[in-house]
Amino acid sequence: MNNFPPRIYLASRSPRRRELLTQMGVHFDVLLLRETAGRCDVDETPMENELPHDYVARVALAKADIGWQRACQRGLVRHPVLGADTTVTLDNEILGKPGSVDRAIDMLGKLSGRTHQVMTSVALAYIDQIHQLTSVSEVTFKHMSADEIRQYAASNEALDKAGAYAIQGRGAMFIRHLSGSYSGVMGLPIFETAELLNRYNPSTA
């Protein structure tokens, strides 16, 4: 039996994370953080020489911590806040969301025929406690033709995903091998998330 909190806030707009929490039987409300230019609650720009593992942990912790602050400022019922962040990394280069077709083509070209890492960090904040865990998976792409890359990069699926692909969508056609967490590559590792939620103990906060 799990010891999950009765309810949490999810500090993410991701429909995939909502889907995975629902799969876990977690009761949650979405807590929106500001993401517009000039008014962004969490700066997701990598720091100079920041390693991918440190980067993804830092961003997830910031989302949970700032989410907790926003919940308190808004006078919401106090529930733990879950933050998460996913990054794709190849040769220690952080491949975030491409945002443009040209950038997606560049990313997919780098991933073609190579094995890369997908890191998803989850963090849970409640009062003065905050805990964090990171899932690391290895994904191997097949060799992709230039036409395959261009067609996929032009799809809506590629532009707002770390590494320019979605494992739960058409991007799965390029994956030759996965070692690690499928849900982690999707954006919320179920095992690590359950571990965090089971640590919740309001009596020690």
Protein backbone atom coordinates (compact mmCIF):
# COMPACT_ATOMS: atom_id res chain seq x y z
CA MET A 1 0.00 0.00 0.00
CA ASN A 2 1.18 3.51 -0.71
CA ASN A 3 1.36 6.41 1.70
CA PHE A 4 0.66 9.16 -0.83
CA PRO A 5 -0.59 12.57 0.29
CA PRO A 6 -4.39 12.89 0.02
CA ARG A 7 -3.88 15.58 -2.62
CA ILE A 8 -0.99 17.45 -4.25
CA TYR A 9 -0.39 20.37 -6.59
CA LEU A 10 1.38 19.68 -9.89
CA ALA A 11 3.52 22.64 -10.92
CA SER A 12 3.46 21.76 -14.61
CA ARG A 13 1.34 22.33 -17.71
CA SER A 14 2.32 18.96 -19.18
CA PRO A 15 -0.63 16.75 -20.16
CA ARG A 16 1.71 13.75 -20.04
CA ARG A 17 2.54 14.36 -16.39
CA ARG A 18 -1.15 14.71 -15.61
CA GLU A 19 -1.81 11.43 -17.40
CA LEU A 20 0.92 9.60 -15.47
CA LEU A 21 -0.22 10.95 -12.08
CA THR A 22 -3.74 9.80 -12.90
CA GLN A 23 -2.33 6.37 -13.81
CA MET A 24 -0.71 6.27 -10.35
CA GLY A 25 -3.99 7.10 -8.64
CA VAL A 26 -2.68 10.44 -7.34
CA HIS A 27 -5.25 13.17 -6.64
CA PHE A 28 -3.91 16.50 -7.81
CA ASP A 29 -4.67 20.02 -8.98
CA VAL A 30 -2.56 21.85 -11.56
CA LEU A 31 -0.71 24.86 -10.17
CA LEU A 32 0.32 27.13 -13.02
CA LEU A 33 3.60 29.02 -12.81
CA ARG A 34 4.32 32.09 -14.90
CA GLU A 35 6.16 31.19 -18.12
CA THR A 36 5.85 34.35 -20.21
CA ALA A 37 8.95 36.29 -21.24
CA GLY A 38 10.00 38.77 -18.58
CA ARG A 39 7.64 37.26 -16.00
CA CYS A 40 8.94 33.69 -15.79
CA ASP A 41 8.84 32.11 -12.33
CA VAL A 42 11.64 29.64 -13.10
CA ASP A 43 14.62 30.49 -15.30
CA GLU A 44 15.35 27.28 -17.23
CA THR A 45 18.49 28.65 -18.89
CA PRO A 46 21.45 26.34 -18.17
CA MET A 47 24.23 27.95 -16.17
CA GLU A 48 27.71 28.15 -17.63
CA ASN A 49 29.42 24.73 -17.50
CA GLU A 50 26.41 23.25 -15.65
CA LEU A 51 26.23 19.48 -16.05
CA PRO A 52 22.90 18.04 -17.28
CA HIS A 53 22.27 16.07 -14.06
CA ASP A 54 22.79 19.20 -11.95
CA TYR A 55 20.71 21.30 -14.32
CA VAL A 56 17.63 19.07 -14.34
CA ALA A 57 17.72 18.67 -10.55
CA ARG A 58 18.05 22.42 -10.02
CA VAL A 59 15.10 23.25 -12.26
CA ALA A 60 12.83 20.62 -10.71
CA LEU A 61 13.69 21.85 -7.20
CA ALA A 62 13.01 25.44 -8.26
CA LYS A 63 9.62 24.53 -9.72
CA ALA A 64 8.56 22.72 -6.54
CA ASP A 65 9.88 25.43 -4.23
CA ILE A 66 8.41 28.36 -6.16
CA GLY A 67 5.18 26.41 -6.64
CA TRP A 68 4.91 26.08 -2.86
CA GLN A 69 5.55 29.82 -2.46
CA ARG A 70 2.89 30.67 -5.05
CA ALA A 71 0.34 28.35 -3.38
CA CYS A 72 0.92 30.11 -0.06
CA GLN A 73 0.75 33.58 -1.65
CA ARG A 74 -2.56 32.70 -3.31
CA GLY A 75 -4.03 31.45 -0.05
CA LEU A 76 -4.57 27.94 -1.38
CA VAL A 77 -5.16 24.91 0.81
CA ARG A 78 -1.75 23.61 1.81
CA HIS A 79 -0.86 20.51 -0.18
CA PRO A 80 2.60 19.28 -1.24
CA VAL A 81 3.81 20.69 -4.57
CA LEU A 82 5.36 18.41 -7.18
CA GLY A 83 7.78 19.90 -9.71
CA ALA A 84 9.49 18.06 -12.55
CA ASP A 85 11.90 18.74 -15.38
CA THR A 86 13.16 16.64 -18.27
CA THR A 87 16.24 17.11 -20.39
CA VAL A 88 17.88 15.16 -23.18
CA THR A 89 21.66 15.09 -23.18
CA LEU A 90 24.24 13.88 -25.67
CA ASP A 91 27.95 14.17 -24.91
CA ASN A 92 27.01 16.36 -21.92
CA GLU A 93 25.21 18.84 -24.20
CA ILE A 94 21.77 19.80 -22.92
CA LEU A 95 19.14 19.47 -25.65
CA GLY A 96 16.04 21.31 -24.49
CA LYS A 97 12.89 22.17 -26.41
CA PRO A 98 13.93 23.23 -29.92
CA GLY A 99 11.26 25.90 -30.47
CA SER A 100 11.91 26.00 -34.23
CA VAL A 101 12.00 23.52 -37.10
CA ASP A 102 15.64 24.32 -37.91
CA ARG A 103 16.70 23.68 -34.32
CA ALA A 104 14.67 20.45 -34.23
CA ILE A 105 16.40 19.26 -37.42
CA ASP A 106 19.77 20.00 -35.83
CA MET A 107 18.90 18.07 -32.64
CA LEU A 108 17.47 15.06 -34.43
CA GLY A 109 20.52 14.93 -36.69
CA LYS A 110 22.75 14.72 -33.62
CA LEU A 111 20.62 11.97 -32.07
CA SER A 112 20.39 9.88 -35.26
CA GLY A 113 22.17 6.54 -34.84
CA ARG A 114 23.41 7.49 -31.36
CA THR A 115 22.62 6.61 -27.76
CA HIS A 116 21.64 9.57 -25.59
CA GLN A 117 20.46 10.06 -22.04
CA VAL A 118 17.09 11.33 -20.87
CA MET A 119 17.06 12.75 -17.35
CA THR A 120 13.88 13.58 -15.51
CA SER A 121 14.09 15.03 -12.03
CA VAL A 122 11.11 15.21 -9.67
CA ALA A 123 10.91 17.29 -6.50
CA LEU A 124 8.28 17.54 -3.75
CA ALA A 125 7.98 20.61 -1.53
CA TYR A 126 5.88 20.90 1.62
CA ILE A 127 6.32 23.65 4.26
CA ASP A 128 10.06 23.53 5.06
CA GLN A 129 10.74 20.16 3.44
CA ILE A 130 11.84 19.50 -0.11
CA HIS A 131 12.98 16.18 -1.58
CA GLN A 132 14.28 15.39 -5.05
CA LEU A 133 15.11 12.30 -7.14
CA THR A 134 16.33 11.91 -10.72
CA SER A 135 15.67 9.15 -13.23
CA VAL A 136 18.29 8.54 -15.93
CA SER A 137 17.46 6.48 -19.02
CA GLU A 138 19.44 5.64 -22.15
CA VAL A 139 17.72 5.82 -25.53
CA THR A 140 19.22 4.64 -28.81
CA PHE A 141 17.94 6.07 -32.08
CA LYS A 142 18.11 4.30 -35.42
CA HIS A 143 19.91 6.01 -38.28
CA MET A 144 17.35 8.49 -39.62
CA SER A 145 17.24 9.71 -43.20
CA ALA A 146 17.28 13.42 -43.96
CA ASP A 147 13.65 13.16 -45.14
CA GLU A 148 12.56 11.43 -41.93
CA ILE A 149 14.23 14.14 -39.87
CA ARG A 150 12.70 16.99 -41.86
CA GLN A 151 9.19 15.51 -41.81
CA TYR A 152 9.24 14.82 -38.10
CA ALA A 153 10.86 18.16 -37.23
CA ALA A 154 8.05 19.93 -39.09
CA SER A 155 5.40 18.20 -36.96
CA ASN A 156 3.91 19.89 -33.92
CA GLU A 157 5.16 16.96 -31.86
CA ALA A 158 8.82 17.92 -32.17
CA LEU A 159 8.85 21.60 -31.27
CA ASP A 160 7.88 21.58 -27.59
CA LYS A 161 9.64 18.39 -26.45
CA ALA A 162 13.09 18.09 -24.92
CA GLY A 163 15.39 16.65 -27.56
CA ALA A 164 12.77 17.34 -30.26
CA TYR A 165 10.88 14.06 -29.93
CA ALA A 166 8.07 12.38 -27.99
CA ILE A 167 8.46 8.72 -27.07
CA GLN A 168 4.69 8.39 -26.60
CA GLY A 169 4.05 9.70 -30.11
CA ARG A 170 5.48 9.29 -33.60
CA GLY A 171 8.97 9.69 -32.18
CA ALA A 172 8.75 6.09 -30.93
CA MET A 173 9.36 4.94 -34.53
CA PHE A 174 12.97 6.10 -34.26
CA ILE A 175 13.80 4.37 -30.95
CA ARG A 176 15.76 1.17 -31.42
CA HIS A 177 16.44 0.54 -27.72
CA LEU A 178 15.46 1.94 -24.33
CA SER A 179 17.24 1.17 -21.09
CA GLY A 180 15.59 2.73 -18.06
CA SER A 181 12.20 4.31 -17.40
CA TYR A 182 9.65 4.72 -20.21
CA SER A 183 7.58 7.04 -18.01
CA GLY A 184 10.74 8.98 -17.16
CA VAL A 185 11.38 9.59 -20.85
CA MET A 186 7.74 10.71 -21.15
CA GLY A 187 8.36 13.30 -18.43
CA LEU A 188 7.46 11.80 -15.05
CA PRO A 189 9.25 8.66 -13.77
CA ILE A 190 6.59 6.70 -11.91
CA PHE A 191 9.00 4.85 -9.62
CA GLU A 192 10.85 7.96 -8.41
CA THR A 193 7.62 9.95 -8.12
CA ALA A 194 6.05 7.23 -5.96
CA GLU A 195 9.17 7.16 -3.80
CA LEU A 196 8.87 10.90 -3.19
CA LEU A 197 5.15 10.79 -2.47
CA ASN A 198 5.65 7.93 -0.01
CA ARG A 199 8.11 10.10 1.94
CA TYR A 200 5.34 12.60 2.64
CA ASN A 201 4.68 12.86 6.36
CA PRO A 202 2.79 15.97 7.48
CA SER A 203 3.56 15.27 11.14
CA THR A 204 7.30 15.86 10.58
CA ALA A 205 6.92 19.05 8.53
